[in-house]
Amino acid sequence: MTRGKQKIEAQKRNAEKNQKGKGSQLEARAVGLKVICPICKTQLANQKQLVDHYGSKHPKENPPAESS
């Protein structure tokens, strides 16, 4: 048990290091999601994802034109 103190110190350091990175990423996620599907209100990052979304989730509908 010669490394008992070192182990406890290492656990404390790791706990402090891991505690800093934790937090909500909801704000960062909301910033990245800019396009909303008008049919199901799913939030997507860009127009290409919206077109892909329409192809898989709404195959009978046409995706809206890009509004830039």
PDB file of N, CA and C in Angstrom:
ATOM      1  N   MET A   1       0.834  -1.187   0.000  1.00  0.00           N
ATOM      2  CA  MET A   1       0.000   0.000   0.000  1.00  0.00           C
ATOM      3  C   MET A   1       0.877   1.247   0.000  1.00  0.00           C
ATOM      4  N   THR A   2       1.938   1.207  -0.737  1.00  0.00           N
ATOM      5  CA  THR A   2       2.828   2.361  -0.790  1.00  0.00           C
ATOM      6  C   THR A   2       2.273   3.464  -1.673  1.00  0.00           C
ATOM      7  N   ARG A   3       1.374   3.129  -2.569  1.00  0.00           N
ATOM      8  CA  ARG A   3       0.843   4.134  -3.478  1.00  0.00           C
ATOM      9  C   ARG A   3      -0.516   4.658  -3.030  1.00  0.00           C
ATOM     10  N   GLY A   4      -0.910   4.413  -1.817  1.00  0.00           N
ATOM     11  CA  GLY A   4      -2.220   4.842  -1.332  1.00  0.00           C
ATOM     12  C   GLY A   4      -2.419   6.337  -1.424  1.00  0.00           C
ATOM     13  N   LYS A   5      -1.421   7.092  -0.977  1.00  0.00           N
ATOM     14  CA  LYS A   5      -1.532   8.555  -1.008  1.00  0.00           C
ATOM     15  C   LYS A   5      -1.527   9.062  -2.451  1.00  0.00           C
ATOM     16  N   GLN A   6      -0.666   8.483  -3.279  1.00  0.00           N
ATOM     17  CA  GLN A   6      -0.614   8.898  -4.678  1.00  0.00           C
ATOM     18  C   GLN A   6      -1.946   8.616  -5.379  1.00  0.00           C
ATOM     19  N   LYS A   7      -2.541   7.473  -5.052  1.00  0.00           N
ATOM     20  CA  LYS A   7      -3.813   7.108  -5.666  1.00  0.00           C
ATOM     21  C   LYS A   7      -4.904   8.102  -5.281  1.00  0.00           C
ATOM     22  N   ILE A   8      -4.966   8.469  -4.014  1.00  0.00           N
ATOM     23  CA  ILE A   8      -5.975   9.424  -3.544  1.00  0.00           C
ATOM     24  C   ILE A   8      -5.776  10.785  -4.197  1.00  0.00           C
ATOM     25  N   GLU A   9      -4.527  11.226  -4.303  1.00  0.00           N
ATOM     26  CA  GLU A   9      -4.241  12.516  -4.948  1.00  0.00           C
ATOM     27  C   GLU A   9      -4.611  12.480  -6.425  1.00  0.00           C
ATOM     28  N   ALA A  10      -4.301  11.372  -7.078  1.00  0.00           N
ATOM     29  CA  ALA A  10      -4.637  11.252  -8.497  1.00  0.00           C
ATOM     30  C   ALA A  10      -6.151  11.264  -8.693  1.00  0.00           C
ATOM     31  N   GLN A  11      -6.895  10.622  -7.816  1.00  0.00           N
ATOM     32  CA  GLN A  11      -8.345  10.623  -7.908  1.00  0.00           C
ATOM     33  C   GLN A  11      -8.901  12.033  -7.718  1.00  0.00           C
ATOM     34  N   LYS A  12      -8.321  12.785  -6.794  1.00  0.00           N
ATOM     35  CA  LYS A  12      -8.770  14.166  -6.572  1.00  0.00           C
ATOM     36  C   LYS A  12      -8.503  15.020  -7.806  1.00  0.00           C
ATOM     37  N   ARG A  13      -7.296  14.883  -8.386  1.00  0.00           N
ATOM     38  CA  ARG A  13      -6.957  15.657  -9.584  1.00  0.00           C
ATOM     39  C   ARG A  13      -7.894  15.302 -10.737  1.00  0.00           C
ATOM     40  N   ASN A  14      -8.144  14.022 -10.932  1.00  0.00           N
ATOM     41  CA  ASN A  14      -9.028  13.605 -12.019  1.00  0.00           C
ATOM     42  C   ASN A  14     -10.454  14.101 -11.796  1.00  0.00           C
ATOM     43  N   ALA A  15     -10.905  14.076 -10.559  1.00  0.00           N
ATOM     44  CA  ALA A  15     -12.249  14.564 -10.265  1.00  0.00           C
ATOM     45  C   ALA A  15     -12.357  16.053 -10.583  1.00  0.00           C
ATOM     46  N   GLU A  16     -11.347  16.838 -10.235  1.00  0.00           N
ATOM     47  CA  GLU A  16     -11.362  18.274 -10.532  1.00  0.00           C
ATOM     48  C   GLU A  16     -11.321  18.515 -12.032  1.00  0.00           C
ATOM     49  N   LYS A  17     -10.488  17.744 -12.727  1.00  0.00           N
ATOM     50  CA  LYS A  17     -10.349  17.907 -14.168  1.00  0.00           C
ATOM     51  C   LYS A  17     -11.657  17.550 -14.875  1.00  0.00           C
ATOM     52  N   ASN A  18     -12.295  16.483 -14.470  1.00  0.00           N
ATOM     53  CA  ASN A  18     -13.538  16.052 -15.104  1.00  0.00           C
ATOM     54  C   ASN A  18     -14.706  16.961 -14.755  1.00  0.00           C
ATOM     55  N   GLN A  19     -14.649  17.609 -13.622  1.00  0.00           N
ATOM     56  CA  GLN A  19     -15.737  18.477 -13.198  1.00  0.00           C
ATOM     57  C   GLN A  19     -15.803  19.738 -14.061  1.00  0.00           C
ATOM     58  N   LYS A  20     -14.683  20.218 -14.547  1.00  0.00           N
ATOM     59  CA  LYS A  20     -14.662  21.454 -15.328  1.00  0.00           C
ATOM     60  C   LYS A  20     -15.415  21.303 -16.641  1.00  0.00           C
ATOM     61  N   GLY A  21     -15.297  20.173 -17.313  1.00  0.00           N
ATOM     62  CA  GLY A  21     -15.896  19.994 -18.623  1.00  0.00           C
ATOM     63  C   GLY A  21     -17.378  19.712 -18.604  1.00  0.00           C
ATOM     64  N   LYS A  22     -17.932  19.418 -17.471  1.00  0.00           N
ATOM     65  CA  LYS A  22     -19.346  19.060 -17.424  1.00  0.00           C
ATOM     66  C   LYS A  22     -20.210  20.302 -17.471  1.00  0.00           C
ATOM     67  N   GLY A  23     -21.360  20.127 -18.035  1.00  0.00           N
ATOM     68  CA  GLY A  23     -22.299  21.234 -18.137  1.00  0.00           C
ATOM     69  C   GLY A  23     -23.252  20.964 -19.277  1.00  0.00           C
ATOM     70  N   SER A  24     -24.212  21.806 -19.420  1.00  0.00           N
ATOM     71  CA  SER A  24     -25.221  21.630 -20.448  1.00  0.00           C
ATOM     72  C   SER A  24     -24.692  22.095 -21.802  1.00  0.00           C
ATOM     73  N   GLN A  25     -24.970  21.310 -22.820  1.00  0.00           N
ATOM     74  CA  GLN A  25     -24.593  21.689 -24.175  1.00  0.00           C
ATOM     75  C   GLN A  25     -25.815  22.121 -24.978  1.00  0.00           C
ATOM     76  N   LEU A  26     -26.904  22.367 -24.292  1.00  0.00           N
ATOM     77  CA  LEU A  26     -28.128  22.729 -24.987  1.00  0.00           C
ATOM     78  C   LEU A  26     -27.981  24.052 -25.740  1.00  0.00           C
ATOM     79  N   GLU A  27     -27.287  25.014 -25.138  1.00  0.00           N
ATOM     80  CA  GLU A  27     -27.108  26.304 -25.806  1.00  0.00           C
ATOM     81  C   GLU A  27     -26.262  26.145 -27.061  1.00  0.00           C
ATOM     82  N   ALA A  28     -25.183  25.382 -26.976  1.00  0.00           N
ATOM     83  CA  ALA A  28     -24.315  25.170 -28.130  1.00  0.00           C
ATOM     84  C   ALA A  28     -25.052  24.409 -29.221  1.00  0.00           C
ATOM     85  N   ARG A  29     -25.884  23.463 -28.826  1.00  0.00           N
ATOM     86  CA  ARG A  29     -26.654  22.688 -29.792  1.00  0.00           C
ATOM     87  C   ARG A  29     -27.682  23.573 -30.491  1.00  0.00           C
ATOM     88  N   ALA A  30     -28.326  24.434 -29.744  1.00  0.00           N
ATOM     89  CA  ALA A  30     -29.349  25.309 -30.311  1.00  0.00           C
ATOM     90  C   ALA A  30     -28.752  26.281 -31.325  1.00  0.00           C
ATOM     91  N   VAL A  31     -27.523  26.714 -31.096  1.00  0.00           N
ATOM     92  CA  VAL A  31     -26.869  27.634 -32.026  1.00  0.00           C
ATOM     93  C   VAL A  31     -26.618  26.956 -33.363  1.00  0.00           C
ATOM     94  N   GLY A  32     -26.267  25.668 -33.325  1.00  0.00           N
ATOM     95  CA  GLY A  32     -25.939  24.940 -34.546  1.00  0.00           C
ATOM     96  C   GLY A  32     -27.155  24.524 -35.355  1.00  0.00           C
ATOM     97  N   LEU A  33     -28.321  24.428 -34.748  1.00  0.00           N
ATOM     98  CA  LEU A  33     -29.520  23.985 -35.450  1.00  0.00           C
ATOM     99  C   LEU A  33     -30.282  25.198 -35.965  1.00  0.00           C
ATOM    100  N   LYS A  34     -30.198  25.415 -37.265  1.00  0.00           N
ATOM    101  CA  LYS A  34     -30.748  26.642 -37.830  1.00  0.00           C
ATOM    102  C   LYS A  34     -31.946  26.413 -38.752  1.00  0.00           C
ATOM    103  N   VAL A  35     -32.131  25.191 -39.281  1.00  0.00           N
ATOM    104  CA  VAL A  35     -33.203  24.912 -40.227  1.00  0.00           C
ATOM    105  C   VAL A  35     -34.248  24.044 -39.532  1.00  0.00           C
ATOM    106  N   ILE A  36     -35.516  24.348 -39.728  1.00  0.00           N
ATOM    107  CA  ILE A  36     -36.599  23.584 -39.109  1.00  0.00           C
ATOM    108  C   ILE A  36     -37.480  22.999 -40.202  1.00  0.00           C
ATOM    109  N   CYS A  37     -37.773  21.716 -40.081  1.00  0.00           N
ATOM    110  CA  CYS A  37     -38.668  21.044 -41.016  1.00  0.00           C
ATOM    111  C   CYS A  37     -40.082  21.581 -40.784  1.00  0.00           C
ATOM    112  N   PRO A  38     -40.726  22.117 -41.823  1.00  0.00           N
ATOM    113  CA  PRO A  38     -42.061  22.687 -41.629  1.00  0.00           C
ATOM    114  C   PRO A  38     -43.142  21.635 -41.359  1.00  0.00           C
ATOM    115  N   ILE A  39     -42.877  20.379 -41.670  1.00  0.00           N
ATOM    116  CA  ILE A  39     -43.883  19.339 -41.474  1.00  0.00           C
ATOM    117  C   ILE A  39     -43.846  18.793 -40.047  1.00  0.00           C
ATOM    118  N   CYS A  40     -42.652  18.353 -39.594  1.00  0.00           N
ATOM    119  CA  CYS A  40     -42.573  17.709 -38.275  1.00  0.00           C
ATOM    120  C   CYS A  40     -41.822  18.543 -37.244  1.00  0.00           C
ATOM    121  N   LYS A  41     -41.378  19.732 -37.629  1.00  0.00           N
ATOM    122  CA  LYS A  41     -40.709  20.683 -36.718  1.00  0.00           C
ATOM    123  C   LYS A  41     -39.380  20.170 -36.166  1.00  0.00           C
ATOM    124  N   THR A  42     -38.737  19.231 -36.861  1.00  0.00           N
ATOM    125  CA  THR A  42     -37.419  18.750 -36.464  1.00  0.00           C
ATOM    126  C   THR A  42     -36.382  19.815 -36.806  1.00  0.00           C
ATOM    127  N   GLN A  43     -35.455  20.055 -35.887  1.00  0.00           N
ATOM    128  CA  GLN A  43     -34.415  21.049 -36.121  1.00  0.00           C
ATOM    129  C   GLN A  43     -33.214  20.377 -36.780  1.00  0.00           C
ATOM    130  N   LEU A  44     -32.699  21.010 -37.817  1.00  0.00           N
ATOM    131  CA  LEU A  44     -31.568  20.478 -38.579  1.00  0.00           C
ATOM    132  C   LEU A  44     -30.512  21.573 -38.731  1.00  0.00           C
ATOM    133  N   ALA A  45     -29.292  21.145 -39.044  1.00  0.00           N
ATOM    134  CA  ALA A  45     -28.179  22.088 -39.095  1.00  0.00           C
ATOM    135  C   ALA A  45     -28.128  22.887 -40.386  1.00  0.00           C
ATOM    136  N   ASN A  46     -28.475  22.281 -41.517  1.00  0.00           N
ATOM    137  CA  ASN A  46     -28.350  23.007 -42.776  1.00  0.00           C
ATOM    138  C   ASN A  46     -29.357  22.490 -43.802  1.00  0.00           C
ATOM    139  N   GLN A  47     -29.365  23.121 -44.973  1.00  0.00           N
ATOM    140  CA  GLN A  47     -30.324  22.794 -46.020  1.00  0.00           C
ATOM    141  C   GLN A  47     -30.111  21.383 -46.557  1.00  0.00           C
ATOM    142  N   LYS A  48     -28.868  20.930 -46.652  1.00  0.00           N
ATOM    143  CA  LYS A  48     -28.590  19.585 -47.159  1.00  0.00           C
ATOM    144  C   LYS A  48     -29.201  18.531 -46.238  1.00  0.00           C
ATOM    145  N   GLN A  49     -29.099  18.727 -44.953  1.00  0.00           N
ATOM    146  CA  GLN A  49     -29.713  17.790 -44.016  1.00  0.00           C
ATOM    147  C   GLN A  49     -31.228  17.819 -44.139  1.00  0.00           C
ATOM    148  N   LEU A  50     -31.792  18.974 -44.432  1.00  0.00           N
ATOM    149  CA  LEU A  50     -33.236  19.072 -44.623  1.00  0.00           C
ATOM    150  C   LEU A  50     -33.662  18.270 -45.849  1.00  0.00           C
ATOM    151  N   VAL A  51     -32.902  18.364 -46.926  1.00  0.00           N
ATOM    152  CA  VAL A  51     -33.217  17.600 -48.136  1.00  0.00           C
ATOM    153  C   VAL A  51     -33.120  16.101 -47.849  1.00  0.00           C
ATOM    154  N   ASP A  52     -32.062  15.673 -47.139  1.00  0.00           N
ATOM    155  CA  ASP A  52     -31.914  14.266 -46.764  1.00  0.00           C
ATOM    156  C   ASP A  52     -33.068  13.828 -45.852  1.00  0.00           C
ATOM    157  N   HIS A  53     -33.459  14.697 -44.938  1.00  0.00           N
ATOM    158  CA  HIS A  53     -34.560  14.418 -44.016  1.00  0.00           C
ATOM    159  C   HIS A  53     -35.859  14.210 -44.797  1.00  0.00           C
ATOM    160  N   TYR A  54     -36.108  15.063 -45.767  1.00  0.00           N
ATOM    161  CA  TYR A  54     -37.308  14.920 -46.578  1.00  0.00           C
ATOM    162  C   TYR A  54     -37.289  13.600 -47.334  1.00  0.00           C
ATOM    163  N   GLY A  55     -36.118  13.209 -47.847  1.00  0.00           N
ATOM    164  CA  GLY A  55     -36.020  11.952 -48.587  1.00  0.00           C
ATOM    165  C   GLY A  55     -36.344  10.740 -47.734  1.00  0.00           C
ATOM    166  N   SER A  56     -35.984  10.775 -46.461  1.00  0.00           N
ATOM    167  CA  SER A  56     -36.209   9.607 -45.610  1.00  0.00           C
ATOM    168  C   SER A  56     -37.509   9.681 -44.814  1.00  0.00           C
ATOM    169  N   LYS A  57     -37.889  10.837 -44.331  1.00  0.00           N
ATOM    170  CA  LYS A  57     -39.063  10.952 -43.453  1.00  0.00           C
ATOM    171  C   LYS A  57     -40.336  11.385 -44.175  1.00  0.00           C
ATOM    172  N   HIS A  58     -40.184  12.158 -45.247  1.00  0.00           N
ATOM    173  CA  HIS A  58     -41.341  12.666 -45.979  1.00  0.00           C
ATOM    174  C   HIS A  58     -41.136  12.419 -47.482  1.00  0.00           C
ATOM    175  N   PRO A  59     -41.079  11.178 -47.921  1.00  0.00           N
ATOM    176  CA  PRO A  59     -40.709  10.893 -49.315  1.00  0.00           C
ATOM    177  C   PRO A  59     -41.731  11.394 -50.344  1.00  0.00           C
ATOM    178  N   LYS A  60     -42.976  11.574 -49.961  1.00  0.00           N
ATOM    179  CA  LYS A  60     -43.987  12.034 -50.917  1.00  0.00           C
ATOM    180  C   LYS A  60     -44.023  13.545 -51.061  1.00  0.00           C
ATOM    181  N   GLU A  61     -43.325  14.237 -50.198  1.00  0.00           N
ATOM    182  CA  GLU A  61     -43.302  15.712 -50.228  1.00  0.00           C
ATOM    183  C   GLU A  61     -42.013  16.198 -50.877  1.00  0.00           C
ATOM    184  N   ASN A  62     -42.060  17.414 -51.396  1.00  0.00           N
ATOM    185  CA  ASN A  62     -40.856  18.045 -51.956  1.00  0.00           C
ATOM    186  C   ASN A  62     -40.269  18.993 -50.915  1.00  0.00           C
ATOM    187  N   PRO A  63     -38.935  18.993 -50.768  1.00  0.00           N
ATOM    188  CA  PRO A  63     -38.336  19.924 -49.793  1.00  0.00           C
ATOM    189  C   PRO A  63     -38.510  21.368 -50.244  1.00  0.00           C
ATOM    190  N   PRO A  64     -38.660  22.286 -49.302  1.00  0.00           N
ATOM    191  CA  PRO A  64     -38.808  23.698 -49.669  1.00  0.00           C
ATOM    192  C   PRO A  64     -37.537  24.244 -50.292  1.00  0.00           C
ATOM    193  N   ALA A  65     -37.692  25.266 -51.107  1.00  0.00           N
ATOM    194  CA  ALA A  65     -36.533  25.898 -51.722  1.00  0.00           C
ATOM    195  C   ALA A  65     -35.688  26.570 -50.639  1.00  0.00           C
ATOM    196  N   GLU A  66     -34.413  26.657 -50.900  1.00  0.00           N
ATOM    197  CA  GLU A  66     -33.500  27.258 -49.913  1.00  0.00           C
ATOM    198  C   GLU A  66     -33.829  28.737 -49.779  1.00  0.00           C
ATOM    199  N   SER A  67     -34.002  29.171 -48.550  1.00  0.00           N
ATOM    200  CA  SER A  67     -34.374  30.573 -48.287  1.00  0.00           C
ATOM    201  C   SER A  67     -33.206  31.312 -47.673  1.00  0.00           C
ATOM    202  N   SER A  68     -32.222  31.655 -48.507  1.00  0.00           N
ATOM    203  CA  SER A  68     -31.043  32.386 -48.024  1.00  0.00           C
ATOM    204  C   SER A  68     -30.989  33.756 -48.615  1.00  0.00           C
TER     205      SER A  68
END
